[in-house]
Amino acid sequence: MQVAQQVVQLAAEGGIEGITDGIQPDWAVFGAIGTKARIIVGVVMAGAVLFLLGSAVVGAVHIRVGNQQHNTMETKKGQTMVASSLLGLFAVASMSTLFGIVYGFGI
């Protein structure tokens, strides 16, 4: 009961900024680029994430249809699409970290 009260108290005191600040990329050494460039990079990354999520959904549909029709080729195609989409999502989500690491190796 005490934990629930603490959670309620923390939720009442904090705003949404505490949650949304955690999902924004840390630009690190690339913080010097302009605001417009950050917006463009963010829009491109968001578009890529939406495309990859859509691709994962299509892959799931292929798995479902392949299982219903007992078509192993369709199921395998769906599994490949889902796996590659999730791998791409991981790469896009960690793009700023990867660029920071590569930049750090270059120094």
N, C-alpha and C. Protein backbone atom coordinates (compact mmCIF):
# COMPACT_ATOMS: atom_id res chain seq x y z
N MET A 1 0.83 -1.19 0.00
CA MET A 1 0.00 0.00 0.00
C MET A 1 0.87 1.25 0.00
N GLN A 2 1.98 1.20 0.71
CA GLN A 2 2.86 2.35 0.81
C GLN A 2 3.49 2.66 -0.55
N VAL A 3 3.82 1.64 -1.32
CA VAL A 3 4.42 1.84 -2.64
C VAL A 3 3.42 2.53 -3.57
N ALA A 4 2.17 2.13 -3.49
CA ALA A 4 1.15 2.74 -4.32
C ALA A 4 0.98 4.21 -3.99
N GLN A 5 1.04 4.56 -2.73
CA GLN A 5 0.94 5.96 -2.34
C GLN A 5 2.13 6.76 -2.86
N GLN A 6 3.31 6.18 -2.83
CA GLN A 6 4.49 6.87 -3.34
C GLN A 6 4.39 7.08 -4.84
N VAL A 7 3.88 6.09 -5.56
CA VAL A 7 3.72 6.23 -7.01
C VAL A 7 2.72 7.32 -7.33
N VAL A 8 1.62 7.36 -6.60
CA VAL A 8 0.61 8.39 -6.81
C VAL A 8 1.19 9.77 -6.51
N GLN A 9 1.97 9.88 -5.45
CA GLN A 9 2.58 11.16 -5.09
C GLN A 9 3.57 11.61 -6.16
N LEU A 10 4.39 10.70 -6.65
CA LEU A 10 5.34 11.04 -7.71
C LEU A 10 4.62 11.45 -8.99
N ALA A 11 3.53 10.77 -9.30
CA ALA A 11 2.77 11.11 -10.50
C ALA A 11 2.12 12.48 -10.37
N ALA A 12 1.67 12.82 -9.17
CA ALA A 12 1.01 14.11 -8.96
C ALA A 12 2.01 15.26 -9.02
N GLU A 13 3.23 15.03 -8.57
CA GLU A 13 4.23 16.09 -8.53
C GLU A 13 4.92 16.29 -9.88
N GLY A 14 5.14 15.23 -10.63
CA GLY A 14 5.91 15.31 -11.87
C GLY A 14 5.02 15.61 -13.05
N GLY A 15 5.65 16.15 -14.08
CA GLY A 15 4.94 16.41 -15.33
C GLY A 15 5.33 15.38 -16.37
N ILE A 16 4.83 15.57 -17.56
CA ILE A 16 5.13 14.65 -18.66
C ILE A 16 6.56 14.83 -19.15
N GLU A 17 7.19 15.95 -18.80
CA GLU A 17 8.55 16.21 -19.27
C GLU A 17 9.53 15.15 -18.81
N GLY A 18 9.34 14.63 -17.62
CA GLY A 18 10.24 13.60 -17.10
C GLY A 18 10.22 12.34 -17.94
N ILE A 19 9.06 12.05 -18.51
CA ILE A 19 8.95 10.86 -19.34
C ILE A 19 9.45 11.14 -20.75
N THR A 20 9.02 12.26 -21.34
CA THR A 20 9.39 12.54 -22.73
C THR A 20 10.84 12.92 -22.88
N ASP A 21 11.47 13.46 -21.86
CA ASP A 21 12.89 13.79 -21.97
C ASP A 21 13.73 12.52 -22.06
N GLY A 22 13.23 11.44 -21.53
CA GLY A 22 13.97 10.19 -21.56
C GLY A 22 14.02 9.54 -22.93
N ILE A 23 13.08 9.87 -23.81
CA ILE A 23 13.08 9.23 -25.13
C ILE A 23 13.66 10.12 -26.21
N GLN A 24 14.06 11.33 -25.88
CA GLN A 24 14.69 12.19 -26.86
C GLN A 24 16.14 11.77 -27.03
N PRO A 25 16.67 11.84 -28.26
CA PRO A 25 18.06 11.41 -28.45
C PRO A 25 19.03 12.38 -27.78
N ASP A 26 20.12 11.82 -27.31
CA ASP A 26 21.20 12.63 -26.76
C ASP A 26 22.15 12.95 -27.91
N TRP A 27 22.22 14.18 -28.32
CA TRP A 27 22.97 14.55 -29.52
C TRP A 27 24.47 14.58 -29.28
N ALA A 28 24.91 14.62 -28.05
CA ALA A 28 26.34 14.58 -27.67
C ALA A 28 27.16 15.54 -28.53
N VAL A 29 28.10 15.02 -29.29
CA VAL A 29 29.00 15.88 -30.07
C VAL A 29 28.29 16.55 -31.24
N PHE A 30 27.14 16.03 -31.62
CA PHE A 30 26.40 16.61 -32.73
C PHE A 30 25.39 17.66 -32.26
N GLY A 31 25.50 18.08 -31.02
CA GLY A 31 24.62 19.10 -30.47
C GLY A 31 24.81 20.46 -31.11
N ALA A 32 25.93 20.64 -31.81
CA ALA A 32 26.21 21.93 -32.43
C ALA A 32 25.46 22.14 -33.74
N ILE A 33 24.84 21.09 -34.29
CA ILE A 33 24.10 21.29 -35.54
C ILE A 33 22.87 22.13 -35.25
N GLY A 34 22.38 22.76 -36.24
CA GLY A 34 21.27 23.68 -36.05
C GLY A 34 19.96 23.01 -35.70
N THR A 35 19.01 23.83 -35.28
CA THR A 35 17.69 23.32 -34.91
C THR A 35 16.97 22.72 -36.11
N LYS A 36 17.09 23.38 -37.26
CA LYS A 36 16.42 22.84 -38.46
C LYS A 36 16.99 21.48 -38.84
N ALA A 37 18.29 21.33 -38.72
CA ALA A 37 18.90 20.04 -39.05
C ALA A 37 18.42 18.96 -38.09
N ARG A 38 18.29 19.30 -36.82
CA ARG A 38 17.78 18.32 -35.84
C ARG A 38 16.36 17.90 -36.18
N ILE A 39 15.55 18.88 -36.57
CA ILE A 39 14.16 18.58 -36.93
C ILE A 39 14.12 17.67 -38.15
N ILE A 40 14.94 17.96 -39.15
CA ILE A 40 14.96 17.15 -40.36
C ILE A 40 15.41 15.72 -40.04
N VAL A 41 16.46 15.59 -39.25
CA VAL A 41 16.94 14.26 -38.86
C VAL A 41 15.85 13.53 -38.08
N GLY A 42 15.18 14.22 -37.18
CA GLY A 42 14.10 13.60 -36.41
C GLY A 42 12.95 13.13 -37.28
N VAL A 43 12.59 13.94 -38.27
CA VAL A 43 11.49 13.57 -39.17
C VAL A 43 11.88 12.36 -40.02
N VAL A 44 13.12 12.34 -40.51
CA VAL A 44 13.58 11.20 -41.31
C VAL A 44 13.60 9.93 -40.45
N MET A 45 14.08 10.07 -39.21
CA MET A 45 14.11 8.90 -38.33
C MET A 45 12.70 8.42 -38.00
N ALA A 46 11.78 9.34 -37.76
CA ALA A 46 10.40 8.96 -37.48
C ALA A 46 9.77 8.27 -38.68
N GLY A 47 10.04 8.78 -39.88
CA GLY A 47 9.53 8.14 -41.09
C GLY A 47 10.07 6.74 -41.26
N ALA A 48 11.36 6.56 -40.98
CA ALA A 48 11.96 5.24 -41.08
C ALA A 48 11.36 4.28 -40.06
N VAL A 49 11.12 4.78 -38.85
CA VAL A 49 10.51 3.94 -37.81
C VAL A 49 9.10 3.52 -38.22
N LEU A 50 8.32 4.43 -38.75
CA LEU A 50 6.96 4.10 -39.19
C LEU A 50 6.99 3.08 -40.33
N PHE A 51 7.90 3.28 -41.28
CA PHE A 51 8.03 2.33 -42.39
C PHE A 51 8.40 0.94 -41.88
N LEU A 52 9.35 0.87 -40.96
CA LEU A 52 9.79 -0.42 -40.44
C LEU A 52 8.71 -1.09 -39.59
N LEU A 53 7.95 -0.31 -38.84
CA LEU A 53 6.82 -0.89 -38.09
C LEU A 53 5.77 -1.44 -39.04
N GLY A 54 5.50 -0.71 -40.11
CA GLY A 54 4.55 -1.20 -41.12
C GLY A 54 5.05 -2.47 -41.77
N SER A 55 6.34 -2.53 -42.04
CA SER A 55 6.93 -3.73 -42.62
C SER A 55 6.82 -4.92 -41.68
N ALA A 56 7.00 -4.67 -40.38
CA ALA A 56 6.86 -5.75 -39.40
C ALA A 56 5.42 -6.25 -39.35
N VAL A 57 4.46 -5.34 -39.46
CA VAL A 57 3.05 -5.74 -39.47
C VAL A 57 2.74 -6.58 -40.70
N VAL A 58 3.26 -6.16 -41.86
CA VAL A 58 3.05 -6.94 -43.09
C VAL A 58 3.69 -8.32 -42.95
N GLY A 59 4.86 -8.38 -42.33
CA GLY A 59 5.49 -9.68 -42.09
C GLY A 59 4.65 -10.56 -41.19
N ALA A 60 4.05 -9.97 -40.17
CA ALA A 60 3.17 -10.73 -39.28
C ALA A 60 1.96 -11.27 -40.04
N VAL A 61 1.45 -10.48 -40.97
CA VAL A 61 0.32 -10.94 -41.80
C VAL A 61 0.76 -12.12 -42.66
N HIS A 62 1.97 -12.04 -43.22
CA HIS A 62 2.49 -13.15 -44.02
C HIS A 62 2.60 -14.42 -43.18
N ILE A 63 3.05 -14.28 -41.94
CA ILE A 63 3.15 -15.44 -41.05
C ILE A 63 1.77 -16.03 -40.81
N ARG A 64 0.82 -15.16 -40.53
CA ARG A 64 -0.55 -15.62 -40.24
C ARG A 64 -1.17 -16.34 -41.45
N VAL A 65 -1.03 -15.73 -42.63
CA VAL A 65 -1.59 -16.34 -43.84
C VAL A 65 -0.88 -17.64 -44.17
N GLY A 66 0.45 -17.65 -44.01
CA GLY A 66 1.20 -18.87 -44.28
C GLY A 66 0.81 -20.01 -43.37
N ASN A 67 0.57 -19.70 -42.11
CA ASN A 67 0.14 -20.75 -41.17
C ASN A 67 -1.25 -21.25 -41.49
N GLN A 68 -2.13 -20.36 -41.90
CA GLN A 68 -3.50 -20.78 -42.21
C GLN A 68 -3.55 -21.65 -43.47
N GLN A 69 -2.69 -21.33 -44.44
CA GLN A 69 -2.68 -22.07 -45.70
C GLN A 69 -1.67 -23.21 -45.70
N HIS A 70 -0.98 -23.41 -44.59
CA HIS A 70 0.07 -24.43 -44.48
C HIS A 70 1.12 -24.23 -45.56
N ASN A 71 1.48 -22.96 -45.77
CA ASN A 71 2.46 -22.58 -46.77
C ASN A 71 3.74 -22.15 -46.04
N THR A 72 4.73 -23.03 -46.01
CA THR A 72 5.94 -22.73 -45.25
C THR A 72 6.76 -21.61 -45.88
N MET A 73 6.68 -21.45 -47.19
CA MET A 73 7.43 -20.36 -47.85
C MET A 73 6.89 -19.00 -47.41
N GLU A 74 5.59 -18.89 -47.34
CA GLU A 74 4.96 -17.63 -46.91
C GLU A 74 5.30 -17.33 -45.45
N THR A 75 5.28 -18.35 -44.63
CA THR A 75 5.62 -18.19 -43.21
C THR A 75 7.07 -17.76 -43.06
N LYS A 76 7.96 -18.38 -43.81
CA LYS A 76 9.38 -18.03 -43.74
C LYS A 76 9.60 -16.59 -44.23
N LYS A 77 8.88 -16.19 -45.26
CA LYS A 77 8.98 -14.81 -45.76
C LYS A 77 8.55 -13.83 -44.67
N GLY A 78 7.47 -14.15 -43.98
CA GLY A 78 7.00 -13.29 -42.90
C GLY A 78 7.98 -13.21 -41.75
N GLN A 79 8.57 -14.34 -41.39
CA GLN A 79 9.56 -14.35 -40.31
C GLN A 79 10.77 -13.49 -40.67
N THR A 80 11.20 -13.58 -41.92
CA THR A 80 12.33 -12.77 -42.38
C THR A 80 11.99 -11.29 -42.34
N MET A 81 10.79 -10.94 -42.77
CA MET A 81 10.37 -9.53 -42.77
C MET A 81 10.31 -8.97 -41.34
N VAL A 82 9.75 -9.74 -40.42
CA VAL A 82 9.63 -9.27 -39.05
C VAL A 82 11.01 -9.11 -38.42
N ALA A 83 11.87 -10.10 -38.62
CA ALA A 83 13.21 -10.04 -38.03
C ALA A 83 14.02 -8.88 -38.60
N SER A 84 13.97 -8.68 -39.90
CA SER A 84 14.74 -7.58 -40.50
C SER A 84 14.16 -6.22 -40.11
N SER A 85 12.86 -6.13 -39.96
CA SER A 85 12.25 -4.87 -39.54
C SER A 85 12.64 -4.52 -38.12
N LEU A 86 12.62 -5.49 -37.22
CA LEU A 86 13.00 -5.23 -35.84
C LEU A 86 14.48 -4.88 -35.72
N LEU A 87 15.32 -5.52 -36.52
CA LEU A 87 16.74 -5.17 -36.53
C LEU A 87 16.94 -3.75 -37.05
N GLY A 88 16.19 -3.38 -38.09
CA GLY A 88 16.25 -2.01 -38.61
C GLY A 88 15.76 -1.00 -37.59
N LEU A 89 14.72 -1.33 -36.86
CA LEU A 89 14.22 -0.44 -35.81
C LEU A 89 15.27 -0.20 -34.75
N PHE A 90 15.97 -1.26 -34.36
CA PHE A 90 17.03 -1.12 -33.38
C PHE A 90 18.13 -0.20 -33.91
N ALA A 91 18.49 -0.38 -35.17
CA ALA A 91 19.56 0.45 -35.76
C ALA A 91 19.15 1.91 -35.83
N VAL A 92 17.93 2.19 -36.25
CA VAL A 92 17.47 3.57 -36.36
C VAL A 92 17.35 4.21 -34.97
N ALA A 93 16.86 3.44 -34.01
CA ALA A 93 16.69 4.00 -32.66
C ALA A 93 18.01 4.32 -32.00
N SER A 94 19.05 3.58 -32.34
CA SER A 94 20.36 3.82 -31.72
C SER A 94 21.30 4.59 -32.64
N MET A 95 20.76 5.26 -33.65
CA MET A 95 21.58 5.96 -34.65
C MET A 95 22.47 7.04 -34.03
N SER A 96 21.92 7.85 -33.16
CA SER A 96 22.73 8.93 -32.58
C SER A 96 23.85 8.37 -31.72
N THR A 97 23.59 7.27 -31.03
CA THR A 97 24.64 6.62 -30.24
C THR A 97 25.72 6.05 -31.14
N LEU A 98 25.31 5.41 -32.22
CA LEU A 98 26.29 4.84 -33.15
C LEU A 98 27.15 5.93 -33.78
N PHE A 99 26.54 7.03 -34.17
CA PHE A 99 27.31 8.14 -34.75
C PHE A 99 28.28 8.72 -33.74
N GLY A 100 27.84 8.82 -32.49
CA GLY A 100 28.73 9.33 -31.44
C GLY A 100 29.93 8.43 -31.22
N ILE A 101 29.71 7.12 -31.26
CA ILE A 101 30.81 6.17 -31.09
C ILE A 101 31.79 6.26 -32.25
N VAL A 102 31.26 6.32 -33.46
CA VAL A 102 32.12 6.41 -34.65
C VAL A 102 32.92 7.72 -34.62
N TYR A 103 32.25 8.80 -34.25
CA TYR A 103 32.94 10.08 -34.15
C TYR A 103 34.03 10.03 -33.08
N GLY A 104 33.74 9.37 -31.96
CA GLY A 104 34.73 9.24 -30.90
C GLY A 104 35.94 8.44 -31.33
N PHE A 105 35.74 7.41 -32.14
CA PHE A 105 36.88 6.64 -32.65
C PHE A 105 37.72 7.47 -33.62
N GLY A 106 37.08 8.39 -34.31
CA GLY A 106 37.79 9.21 -35.27
C GLY A 106 38.66 10.28 -34.66
N ILE A 107 38.41 10.61 -33.40
CA ILE A 107 39.18 11.69 -32.77
C ILE A 107 40.54 11.24 -32.35
